[in-house]
Amino acid sequence: MLEKDNVKINESLELHTTYKVGGTCKYFITPETVNELIDLIKYLKEKNIKYMILGNGSNSIFSSKEYDGVIINLTNINTMEIKEDKIYVEAGYQLIKLSMDALNNSLSGLEFAAGIPGNIGGAIFMNAGAYKSDMSNLVETVTFLDENLELKTLTKDELNFSYRKSLFQSKPEYIIISTVLKLEKGNQEEIKALMDKRKGRRIESQPLEYPSAGSVFRNPSEDIFAGKLIEDLGLKGYTIGGAQISEKHANFIINVGGATGEDIKALIDLVKLKVKEKYNIDLHVEQRFINFED
């Protein structure tokens, strides 16, 4: 059964998103095991109570309204085991932490993930990536709960991975539980050197000192970068409320203080409109808007 510490009432969602925005939710629940998760969802379905799954909140923009339902956070479903060149890891495990675990075990392949502030479930859902690499390069299998709350496992070739996409985006009823990743044995010093180099590049080029959710828009193509389009429009520094297009990196929106989800959404909508007018390009938002319905 769920412990009282795992159930929070009228919880502020600012505490659970990397943008540090959002209203409250009626119930915020963090099950400890997969069985607890299954029992909880069965109960919510029987009672016709609205719910959603939230990972690390690194790709989520909540409105300021109350979420009138249950938010289920998978942070505590986070076991991890490394066997030779394979990592067996549950959805709630942090991606940055896993990249460090790989380094400590002289495993190469997760260097790109050292600066991505999500968890494993969200990373697979979005096929997170950087530096021309992504999760699909490492995934062997993914285990998930299907619409009947039965555990199923699919192989990489069955998961429809492509640029920032996976099968799970078209199957929102599926809940990612765990994955098996296959890495390569490498030289620990070389792995660390690459990670340190990229960390330095992130510090120089990204506004890491402010709450954000990383890149807002997908690049329209390999040769067209969303940040460059936005910068060329002169929108760096443009601010709505407490949300600002970063002066350091135009594809980042940052919370410079007191931003709301509505501020961020308004800024995203403005950028999309301006890019469409100037370049006739429809920018695709990497982040998701939650609880903005009228």
C-alpha atoms as a PDB file:
ATOM      1  CA  MET A   1       0.000   0.000   0.000  1.00  0.00           C
ATOM      2  CA  LEU A   2       1.016   3.607  -0.529  1.00  0.00           C
ATOM      3  CA  GLU A   3       2.543   5.332   2.480  1.00  0.00           C
ATOM      4  CA  LYS A   4       1.350   8.773   3.579  1.00  0.00           C
ATOM      5  CA  ASP A   5       4.729  10.237   2.637  1.00  0.00           C
ATOM      6  CA  ASN A   6       4.092   9.148  -0.953  1.00  0.00           C
ATOM      7  CA  VAL A   7       0.821  11.090  -1.224  1.00  0.00           C
ATOM      8  CA  LYS A   8       0.861  14.884  -1.219  1.00  0.00           C
ATOM      9  CA  ILE A   9      -2.277  17.023  -1.278  1.00  0.00           C
ATOM     10  CA  ASN A  10      -2.497  20.359  -3.111  1.00  0.00           C
ATOM     11  CA  GLU A  11       1.119  20.024  -4.151  1.00  0.00           C
ATOM     12  CA  SER A  12       2.770  22.913  -6.015  1.00  0.00           C
ATOM     13  CA  LEU A  13       3.911  21.837  -9.457  1.00  0.00           C
ATOM     14  CA  GLU A  14       6.633  24.481  -9.392  1.00  0.00           C
ATOM     15  CA  LEU A  15       8.520  21.952  -7.267  1.00  0.00           C
ATOM     16  CA  HIS A  16       8.312  19.285  -9.956  1.00  0.00           C
ATOM     17  CA  THR A  17       9.131  21.034 -13.238  1.00  0.00           C
ATOM     18  CA  THR A  18      12.476  22.322 -14.460  1.00  0.00           C
ATOM     19  CA  TYR A  19      10.810  25.567 -15.595  1.00  0.00           C
ATOM     20  CA  LYS A  20       9.619  26.011 -11.975  1.00  0.00           C
ATOM     21  CA  VAL A  21       6.095  26.869 -13.111  1.00  0.00           C
ATOM     22  CA  GLY A  22       2.634  25.450 -12.611  1.00  0.00           C
ATOM     23  CA  GLY A  23      -0.350  25.584 -10.311  1.00  0.00           C
ATOM     24  CA  THR A  24      -1.218  22.918  -7.788  1.00  0.00           C
ATOM     25  CA  CYS A  25      -2.565  19.416  -8.210  1.00  0.00           C
ATOM     26  CA  LYS A  26      -5.130  17.789  -5.971  1.00  0.00           C
ATOM     27  CA  TYR A  27      -2.974  14.732  -5.369  1.00  0.00           C
ATOM     28  CA  PHE A  28       0.677  14.079  -6.181  1.00  0.00           C
ATOM     29  CA  ILE A  29       1.561  10.411  -5.699  1.00  0.00           C
ATOM     30  CA  THR A  30       4.919   8.626  -5.968  1.00  0.00           C
ATOM     31  CA  PRO A  31       4.458   4.839  -5.942  1.00  0.00           C
ATOM     32  CA  GLU A  32       7.463   2.791  -4.798  1.00  0.00           C
ATOM     33  CA  THR A  33       6.921  -0.294  -6.957  1.00  0.00           C
ATOM     34  CA  VAL A  34       5.373  -1.320 -10.246  1.00  0.00           C
ATOM     35  CA  ASN A  35       2.680  -3.265  -8.386  1.00  0.00           C
ATOM     36  CA  GLU A  36       1.771  -0.143  -6.404  1.00  0.00           C
ATOM     37  CA  LEU A  37       1.557   1.758  -9.674  1.00  0.00           C
ATOM     38  CA  ILE A  38      -0.743  -0.848 -11.228  1.00  0.00           C
ATOM     39  CA  ASP A  39      -3.022  -0.952  -8.173  1.00  0.00           C
ATOM     40  CA  LEU A  40      -3.204   2.845  -8.091  1.00  0.00           C
ATOM     41  CA  ILE A  41      -4.149   3.182 -11.757  1.00  0.00           C
ATOM     42  CA  LYS A  42      -6.743   0.426 -11.449  1.00  0.00           C
ATOM     43  CA  TYR A  43      -8.330   2.325  -8.571  1.00  0.00           C
ATOM     44  CA  LEU A  44      -8.275   5.640 -10.449  1.00  0.00           C
ATOM     45  CA  LYS A  45      -9.848   4.049 -13.507  1.00  0.00           C
ATOM     46  CA  GLU A  46     -12.565   2.372 -11.433  1.00  0.00           C
ATOM     47  CA  LYS A  47     -13.398   5.705  -9.795  1.00  0.00           C
ATOM     48  CA  ASN A  48     -13.112   7.610 -13.099  1.00  0.00           C
ATOM     49  CA  ILE A  49     -10.516   9.961 -11.622  1.00  0.00           C
ATOM     50  CA  LYS A  50      -8.323  11.929 -14.015  1.00  0.00           C
ATOM     51  CA  TYR A  51      -4.604  11.181 -13.800  1.00  0.00           C
ATOM     52  CA  MET A  52      -1.355  11.599 -15.664  1.00  0.00           C
ATOM     53  CA  ILE A  53       2.209  10.300 -15.450  1.00  0.00           C
ATOM     54  CA  LEU A  54       4.997  12.798 -14.776  1.00  0.00           C
ATOM     55  CA  GLY A  55       8.699  12.072 -14.905  1.00  0.00           C
ATOM     56  CA  ASN A  56      11.282  14.690 -14.020  1.00  0.00           C
ATOM     57  CA  GLY A  57       9.148  17.545 -15.335  1.00  0.00           C
ATOM     58  CA  SER A  58      11.900  18.538 -17.747  1.00  0.00           C
ATOM     59  CA  ASN A  59       9.638  18.692 -20.802  1.00  0.00           C
ATOM     60  CA  SER A  60       6.400  19.806 -19.173  1.00  0.00           C
ATOM     61  CA  ILE A  61       4.754  23.228 -19.082  1.00  0.00           C
ATOM     62  CA  PHE A  62       1.822  23.385 -16.658  1.00  0.00           C
ATOM     63  CA  SER A  63      -0.708  26.191 -16.618  1.00  0.00           C
ATOM     64  CA  SER A  64      -1.338  28.118 -13.416  1.00  0.00           C
ATOM     65  CA  LYS A  65      -4.689  26.407 -12.914  1.00  0.00           C
ATOM     66  CA  GLU A  66      -5.214  23.571 -10.466  1.00  0.00           C
ATOM     67  CA  TYR A  67      -4.788  20.119 -11.990  1.00  0.00           C
ATOM     68  CA  ASP A  68      -8.067  18.568 -10.880  1.00  0.00           C
ATOM     69  CA  GLY A  69      -6.854  15.009 -10.562  1.00  0.00           C
ATOM     70  CA  VAL A  70      -3.872  12.850  -9.667  1.00  0.00           C
ATOM     71  CA  ILE A  71      -0.324  13.283 -10.916  1.00  0.00           C
ATOM     72  CA  ILE A  72       1.687  10.073 -10.643  1.00  0.00           C
ATOM     73  CA  ASN A  73       5.421  10.554 -10.385  1.00  0.00           C
ATOM     74  CA  LEU A  74       7.710   7.612 -11.169  1.00  0.00           C
ATOM     75  CA  THR A  75      10.816   8.962  -9.437  1.00  0.00           C
ATOM     76  CA  ASN A  76      10.858   6.122  -6.892  1.00  0.00           C
ATOM     77  CA  ILE A  77      10.691   3.387  -9.522  1.00  0.00           C
ATOM     78  CA  ASN A  78      14.397   3.666 -10.177  1.00  0.00           C
ATOM     79  CA  THR A  79      16.411   0.482  -9.730  1.00  0.00           C
ATOM     80  CA  MET A  80      19.555   0.156 -11.840  1.00  0.00           C
ATOM     81  CA  GLU A  81      22.026  -2.649 -12.468  1.00  0.00           C
ATOM     82  CA  ILE A  82      25.053  -2.859 -14.743  1.00  0.00           C
ATOM     83  CA  LYS A  83      26.155  -6.231 -16.112  1.00  0.00           C
ATOM     84  CA  GLU A  84      29.217  -6.062 -18.334  1.00  0.00           C
ATOM     85  CA  ASP A  85      28.199  -3.751 -21.209  1.00  0.00           C
ATOM     86  CA  LYS A  86      24.455  -3.708 -20.466  1.00  0.00           C
ATOM     87  CA  ILE A  87      22.451  -1.455 -18.164  1.00  0.00           C
ATOM     88  CA  TYR A  88      19.129  -2.619 -16.723  1.00  0.00           C
ATOM     89  CA  VAL A  89      17.352   0.484 -15.464  1.00  0.00           C
ATOM     90  CA  GLU A  90      13.867   1.594 -14.441  1.00  0.00           C
ATOM     91  CA  ALA A  91      12.003   4.636 -15.743  1.00  0.00           C
ATOM     92  CA  GLY A  92      12.478   6.923 -12.743  1.00  0.00           C
ATOM     93  CA  TYR A  93      16.274   6.855 -12.821  1.00  0.00           C
ATOM     94  CA  GLN A  94      17.907  10.172 -13.729  1.00  0.00           C
ATOM     95  CA  LEU A  95      19.589  10.302 -17.134  1.00  0.00           C
ATOM     96  CA  ILE A  96      22.468  12.530 -16.004  1.00  0.00           C
ATOM     97  CA  LYS A  97      23.152  10.196 -13.083  1.00  0.00           C
ATOM     98  CA  LEU A  98      23.129   7.205 -15.422  1.00  0.00           C
ATOM     99  CA  SER A  99      25.673   8.867 -17.700  1.00  0.00           C
ATOM    100  CA  MET A 100      27.967   9.196 -14.682  1.00  0.00           C
ATOM    101  CA  ASP A 101      27.382   5.546 -13.744  1.00  0.00           C
ATOM    102  CA  ALA A 102      28.383   4.584 -17.270  1.00  0.00           C
ATOM    103  CA  LEU A 103      31.544   6.676 -16.968  1.00  0.00           C
ATOM    104  CA  ASN A 104      32.427   5.070 -13.631  1.00  0.00           C
ATOM    105  CA  ASN A 105      32.102   1.654 -15.272  1.00  0.00           C
ATOM    106  CA  SER A 106      34.142   2.649 -18.355  1.00  0.00           C
ATOM    107  CA  LEU A 107      31.104   2.337 -20.619  1.00  0.00           C
ATOM    108  CA  SER A 108      30.802   4.561 -23.676  1.00  0.00           C
ATOM    109  CA  GLY A 109      27.593   5.649 -25.394  1.00  0.00           C
ATOM    110  CA  LEU A 110      25.851   7.850 -22.849  1.00  0.00           C
ATOM    111  CA  GLU A 111      28.237  10.792 -23.076  1.00  0.00           C
ATOM    112  CA  PHE A 112      25.585  12.780 -24.973  1.00  0.00           C
ATOM    113  CA  ALA A 113      23.207  12.467 -22.011  1.00  0.00           C
ATOM    114  CA  ALA A 114      25.422  14.128 -19.413  1.00  0.00           C
ATOM    115  CA  GLY A 115      23.531  17.414 -19.722  1.00  0.00           C
ATOM    116  CA  ILE A 116      19.950  16.221 -20.264  1.00  0.00           C
ATOM    117  CA  PRO A 117      17.869  16.775 -17.087  1.00  0.00           C
ATOM    118  CA  GLY A 118      15.259  14.076 -17.599  1.00  0.00           C
ATOM    119  CA  ASN A 119      14.670  10.566 -16.394  1.00  0.00           C
ATOM    120  CA  ILE A 120      14.996   7.348 -18.363  1.00  0.00           C
ATOM    121  CA  GLY A 121      11.286   7.015 -19.087  1.00  0.00           C
ATOM    122  CA  GLY A 122      11.045  10.525 -20.488  1.00  0.00           C
ATOM    123  CA  ALA A 123      14.266  10.116 -22.443  1.00  0.00           C
ATOM    124  CA  ILE A 124      12.915   7.036 -24.214  1.00  0.00           C
ATOM    125  CA  PHE A 125       9.502   8.629 -24.745  1.00  0.00           C
ATOM    126  CA  MET A 126      11.115  11.626 -26.492  1.00  0.00           C
ATOM    127  CA  ASN A 127      14.084   9.684 -27.913  1.00  0.00           C
ATOM    128  CA  ALA A 128      16.220  12.317 -26.217  1.00  0.00           C
ATOM    129  CA  GLY A 129      19.522  13.114 -27.795  1.00  0.00           C
ATOM    130  CA  ALA A 130      22.370  15.527 -28.418  1.00  0.00           C
ATOM    131  CA  TYR A 131      25.615  15.659 -30.396  1.00  0.00           C
ATOM    132  CA  LYS A 132      24.111  13.534 -33.194  1.00  0.00           C
ATOM    133  CA  SER A 133      23.336  10.648 -30.830  1.00  0.00           C
ATOM    134  CA  ASP A 134      20.156   9.613 -29.052  1.00  0.00           C
ATOM    135  CA  MET A 135      18.535   6.905 -26.935  1.00  0.00           C
ATOM    136  CA  SER A 136      17.619   4.774 -29.925  1.00  0.00           C
ATOM    137  CA  ASN A 137      21.320   4.051 -30.461  1.00  0.00           C
ATOM    138  CA  LEU A 138      21.475   2.304 -27.082  1.00  0.00           C
ATOM    139  CA  VAL A 139      18.070   0.721 -26.453  1.00  0.00           C
ATOM    140  CA  GLU A 140      17.794  -3.048 -26.765  1.00  0.00           C
ATOM    141  CA  THR A 141      14.345  -3.491 -25.226  1.00  0.00           C
ATOM    142  CA  VAL A 142      11.733  -1.453 -23.369  1.00  0.00           C
ATOM    143  CA  THR A 143       9.241  -2.886 -20.892  1.00  0.00           C
ATOM    144  CA  PHE A 144       5.989  -0.984 -20.362  1.00  0.00           C
ATOM    145  CA  LEU A 145       2.429  -1.249 -19.091  1.00  0.00           C
ATOM    146  CA  ASP A 146      -0.083  -1.434 -21.920  1.00  0.00           C
ATOM    147  CA  GLU A 147      -3.650  -0.131 -21.928  1.00  0.00           C
ATOM    148  CA  ASN A 148      -4.742  -3.210 -19.924  1.00  0.00           C
ATOM    149  CA  LEU A 149      -2.012  -2.616 -17.316  1.00  0.00           C
ATOM    150  CA  GLU A 150      -0.158  -5.721 -18.479  1.00  0.00           C
ATOM    151  CA  LEU A 151       3.632  -5.707 -18.719  1.00  0.00           C
ATOM    152  CA  LYS A 152       4.883  -6.000 -22.289  1.00  0.00           C
ATOM    153  CA  THR A 153       8.377  -5.829 -23.778  1.00  0.00           C
ATOM    154  CA  LEU A 154       9.316  -4.612 -27.251  1.00  0.00           C
ATOM    155  CA  THR A 155      12.654  -4.564 -29.017  1.00  0.00           C
ATOM    156  CA  LYS A 156      14.289  -1.454 -30.437  1.00  0.00           C
ATOM    157  CA  ASP A 157      13.117  -2.270 -33.973  1.00  0.00           C
ATOM    158  CA  GLU A 158       9.503  -2.355 -32.780  1.00  0.00           C
ATOM    159  CA  LEU A 159       9.613   1.066 -31.091  1.00  0.00           C
ATOM    160  CA  ASN A 160       9.454   3.292 -34.202  1.00  0.00           C
ATOM    161  CA  PHE A 161      12.341   5.496 -33.125  1.00  0.00           C
ATOM    162  CA  SER A 162      13.184   8.544 -35.221  1.00  0.00           C
ATOM    163  CA  TYR A 163      14.374  12.091 -34.531  1.00  0.00           C
ATOM    164  CA  ARG A 164      12.836  12.979 -31.121  1.00  0.00           C
ATOM    165  CA  LYS A 165      10.088  10.418 -31.654  1.00  0.00           C
ATOM    166  CA  SER A 166       9.116   6.973 -30.422  1.00  0.00           C
ATOM    167  CA  LEU A 167       6.152   4.617 -30.476  1.00  0.00           C
ATOM    168  CA  PHE A 168       5.111   5.890 -27.042  1.00  0.00           C
ATOM    169  CA  GLN A 169       4.158   9.327 -28.342  1.00  0.00           C
ATOM    170  CA  SER A 170       1.399   7.721 -30.410  1.00  0.00           C
ATOM    171  CA  LYS A 171       0.416   5.417 -27.529  1.00  0.00           C
ATOM    172  CA  PRO A 172      -0.081   7.751 -24.543  1.00  0.00           C
ATOM    173  CA  GLU A 173      -1.813   4.977 -22.618  1.00  0.00           C
ATOM    174  CA  TYR A 174       1.473   3.051 -22.454  1.00  0.00           C
ATOM    175  CA  ILE A 175       3.644   3.647 -19.386  1.00  0.00           C
ATOM    176  CA  ILE A 176       7.368   3.008 -19.722  1.00  0.00           C
ATOM    177  CA  ILE A 177       8.664   0.933 -16.797  1.00  0.00           C
ATOM    178  CA  SER A 178      12.231  -0.072 -17.656  1.00  0.00           C
ATOM    179  CA  THR A 179      14.757  -0.568 -20.413  1.00  0.00           C
ATOM    180  CA  VAL A 180      17.866  -2.522 -21.293  1.00  0.00           C
ATOM    181  CA  LEU A 181      20.634  -0.396 -22.789  1.00  0.00           C
ATOM    182  CA  LYS A 182      23.689  -1.771 -24.562  1.00  0.00           C
ATOM    183  CA  LEU A 183      26.850   0.332 -24.372  1.00  0.00           C
ATOM    184  CA  GLU A 184      30.462  -0.277 -25.385  1.00  0.00           C
ATOM    185  CA  LYS A 185      33.501  -0.799 -23.224  1.00  0.00           C
ATOM    186  CA  GLY A 186      35.711   2.249 -23.459  1.00  0.00           C
ATOM    187  CA  ASN A 187      38.584   4.138 -21.924  1.00  0.00           C
ATOM    188  CA  GLN A 188      37.421   5.934 -18.791  1.00  0.00           C
ATOM    189  CA  GLU A 189      39.791   8.868 -19.213  1.00  0.00           C
ATOM    190  CA  GLU A 190      38.682   9.415 -22.814  1.00  0.00           C
ATOM    191  CA  ILE A 191      35.008   9.205 -21.850  1.00  0.00           C
ATOM    192  CA  LYS A 192      35.516  11.724 -19.056  1.00  0.00           C
ATOM    193  CA  ALA A 193      37.491  14.061 -21.298  1.00  0.00           C
ATOM    194  CA  LEU A 194      34.662  14.105 -23.848  1.00  0.00           C
ATOM    195  CA  MET A 195      32.050  14.719 -21.146  1.00  0.00           C
ATOM    196  CA  ASP A 196      34.119  17.530 -19.614  1.00  0.00           C
ATOM    197  CA  LYS A 197      34.590  19.149 -23.021  1.00  0.00           C
ATOM    198  CA  ARG A 198      30.871  19.105 -23.699  1.00  0.00           C
ATOM    199  CA  LYS A 199      30.115  20.381 -20.203  1.00  0.00           C
ATOM    200  CA  GLY A 200      32.349  23.359 -20.874  1.00  0.00           C
ATOM    201  CA  ARG A 201      30.569  23.987 -24.159  1.00  0.00           C
ATOM    202  CA  ARG A 202      27.159  23.857 -22.418  1.00  0.00           C
ATOM    203  CA  ILE A 203      28.276  26.335 -19.757  1.00  0.00           C
ATOM    204  CA  GLU A 204      29.481  28.719 -22.448  1.00  0.00           C
ATOM    205  CA  SER A 205      26.472  28.437 -24.759  1.00  0.00           C
ATOM    206  CA  GLN A 206      23.438  27.599 -22.574  1.00  0.00           C
ATOM    207  CA  PRO A 207      21.695  29.617 -19.830  1.00  0.00           C
ATOM    208  CA  LEU A 208      22.154  26.944 -17.165  1.00  0.00           C
ATOM    209  CA  GLU A 209      21.836  29.474 -14.342  1.00  0.00           C
ATOM    210  CA  TYR A 210      18.076  29.892 -15.010  1.00  0.00           C
ATOM    211  CA  PRO A 211      15.173  27.426 -14.855  1.00  0.00           C
ATOM    212  CA  SER A 212      14.402  26.107 -18.330  1.00  0.00           C
ATOM    213  CA  ALA A 213      13.525  22.896 -20.119  1.00  0.00           C
ATOM    214  CA  GLY A 214      16.368  22.780 -22.600  1.00  0.00           C
ATOM    215  CA  SER A 215      15.747  23.278 -26.302  1.00  0.00           C
ATOM    216  CA  VAL A 216      12.202  24.447 -26.977  1.00  0.00           C
ATOM    217  CA  PHE A 217      11.948  23.613 -30.680  1.00  0.00           C
ATOM    218  CA  ARG A 218      13.160  20.751 -32.816  1.00  0.00           C
ATOM    219  CA  ASN A 219      15.540  21.709 -35.590  1.00  0.00           C
ATOM    220  CA  PRO A 220      13.533  21.733 -38.852  1.00  0.00           C
ATOM    221  CA  SER A 221      16.316  19.789 -40.581  1.00  0.00           C
ATOM    222  CA  GLU A 222      19.968  18.841 -40.203  1.00  0.00           C
ATOM    223  CA  ASP A 223      20.949  22.076 -41.925  1.00  0.00           C
ATOM    224  CA  ILE A 224      18.359  24.420 -40.409  1.00  0.00           C
ATOM    225  CA  PHE A 225      18.649  25.221 -36.715  1.00  0.00           C
ATOM    226  CA  ALA A 226      15.693  26.571 -34.757  1.00  0.00           C
ATOM    227  CA  GLY A 227      17.932  28.740 -32.589  1.00  0.00           C
ATOM    228  CA  LYS A 228      19.489  30.425 -35.629  1.00  0.00           C
ATOM    229  CA  LEU A 229      16.067  31.223 -37.109  1.00  0.00           C
ATOM    230  CA  ILE A 230      14.937  32.796 -33.829  1.00  0.00           C
ATOM    231  CA  GLU A 231      18.196  34.719 -33.399  1.00  0.00           C
ATOM    232  CA  ASP A 232      18.032  36.085 -36.941  1.00  0.00           C
ATOM    233  CA  LEU A 233      14.568  37.454 -36.163  1.00  0.00           C
ATOM    234  CA  GLY A 234      16.115  39.546 -33.393  1.00  0.00           C
ATOM    235  CA  LEU A 235      14.131  37.803 -30.680  1.00  0.00           C
ATOM    236  CA  LYS A 236      16.955  37.108 -28.256  1.00  0.00           C
ATOM    237  CA  GLY A 237      16.041  38.712 -24.940  1.00  0.00           C
ATOM    238  CA  TYR A 238      12.362  39.127 -25.862  1.00  0.00           C
ATOM    239  CA  THR A 239      10.342  38.822 -22.669  1.00  0.00           C
ATOM    240  CA  ILE A 240       6.731  38.133 -21.740  1.00  0.00           C
ATOM    241  CA  GLY A 241       6.070  38.318 -18.015  1.00  0.00           C
ATOM    242  CA  GLY A 242       8.826  36.334 -16.336  1.00  0.00           C
ATOM    243  CA  ALA A 243       9.638  34.265 -19.421  1.00  0.00           C
ATOM    244  CA  GLN A 244      12.473  35.290 -21.721  1.00  0.00           C
ATOM    245  CA  ILE A 245      14.085  34.034 -24.901  1.00  0.00           C
ATOM    246  CA  SER A 246      17.622  33.528 -23.679  1.00  0.00           C
ATOM    247  CA  GLU A 247      20.207  36.025 -24.849  1.00  0.00           C
ATOM    248  CA  LYS A 248      22.735  33.207 -24.635  1.00  0.00           C
ATOM    249  CA  HIS A 249      20.881  30.634 -26.765  1.00  0.00           C
ATOM    250  CA  ALA A 250      17.781  31.578 -28.749  1.00  0.00           C
ATOM    251  CA  ASN A 251      16.289  28.075 -28.613  1.00  0.00           C
ATOM    252  CA  PHE A 252      16.047  28.294 -24.813  1.00  0.00           C
ATOM    253  CA  ILE A 253      13.239  29.989 -22.937  1.00  0.00           C
ATOM    254  CA  ILE A 254      14.160  30.791 -19.356  1.00  0.00           C
ATOM    255  CA  ASN A 255      12.301  31.733 -16.210  1.00  0.00           C
ATOM    256  CA  VAL A 256      13.996  34.966 -15.168  1.00  0.00           C
ATOM    257  CA  GLY A 257      11.737  35.259 -12.139  1.00  0.00           C
ATOM    258  CA  GLY A 258       8.050  34.715 -11.490  1.00  0.00           C
ATOM    259  CA  ALA A 259       7.238  33.252 -14.902  1.00  0.00           C
ATOM    260  CA  THR A 260       4.014  31.336 -15.386  1.00  0.00           C
ATOM    261  CA  GLY A 261       3.210  28.548 -17.795  1.00  0.00           C
ATOM    262  CA  GLU A 262       1.029  31.050 -19.621  1.00  0.00           C
ATOM    263  CA  ASP A 263       4.013  33.391 -20.082  1.00  0.00           C
ATOM    264  CA  ILE A 264       6.088  30.578 -21.561  1.00  0.00           C
ATOM    265  CA  LYS A 265       3.287  29.423 -23.847  1.00  0.00           C
ATOM    266  CA  ALA A 266       2.700  32.974 -25.086  1.00  0.00           C
ATOM    267  CA  LEU A 267       6.388  33.318 -25.916  1.00  0.00           C
ATOM    268  CA  ILE A 268       6.431  29.965 -27.727  1.00  0.00           C
ATOM    269  CA  ASP A 269       3.326  30.922 -29.716  1.00  0.00           C
ATOM    270  CA  LEU A 270       4.927  34.246 -30.664  1.00  0.00           C
ATOM    271  CA  VAL A 271       8.113  32.559 -31.898  1.00  0.00           C
ATOM    272  CA  LYS A 272       6.141  30.041 -33.949  1.00  0.00           C
ATOM    273  CA  LEU A 273       4.117  32.837 -35.545  1.00  0.00           C
ATOM    274  CA  LYS A 274       7.165  34.982 -36.386  1.00  0.00           C
ATOM    275  CA  VAL A 275       9.129  32.049 -37.847  1.00  0.00           C
ATOM    276  CA  LYS A 276       6.121  31.003 -39.929  1.00  0.00           C
ATOM    277  CA  GLU A 277       5.636  34.547 -41.239  1.00  0.00           C
ATOM    278  CA  LYS A 278       9.310  35.077 -42.103  1.00  0.00           C
ATOM    279  CA  TYR A 279      10.458  31.642 -43.262  1.00  0.00           C
ATOM    280  CA  ASN A 280       7.234  29.690 -43.864  1.00  0.00           C
ATOM    281  CA  ILE A 281       8.541  27.039 -41.446  1.00  0.00           C
ATOM    282  CA  ASP A 282       6.339  25.389 -38.827  1.00  0.00           C
ATOM    283  CA  LEU A 283       8.486  24.912 -35.731  1.00  0.00           C
ATOM    284  CA  HIS A 284       7.696  21.792 -33.708  1.00  0.00           C
ATOM    285  CA  VAL A 285       7.680  22.256 -29.936  1.00  0.00           C
ATOM    286  CA  GLU A 286       9.646  19.607 -28.019  1.00  0.00           C
ATOM    287  CA  GLN A 287       7.826  20.388 -24.763  1.00  0.00           C
ATOM    288  CA  ARG A 288       4.235  19.583 -23.868  1.00  0.00           C
ATOM    289  CA  PHE A 289       1.516  21.905 -22.570  1.00  0.00           C
ATOM    290  CA  ILE A 290      -0.555  20.523 -19.711  1.00  0.00           C
ATOM    291  CA  ASN A 291      -3.825  21.767 -18.230  1.00  0.00           C
ATOM    292  CA  PHE A 292      -4.301  24.656 -20.646  1.00  0.00           C
ATOM    293  CA  GLU A 293      -7.754  23.522 -21.769  1.00  0.00           C
ATOM    294  CA  ASP A 294     -10.581  26.015 -21.322  1.00  0.00           C
END
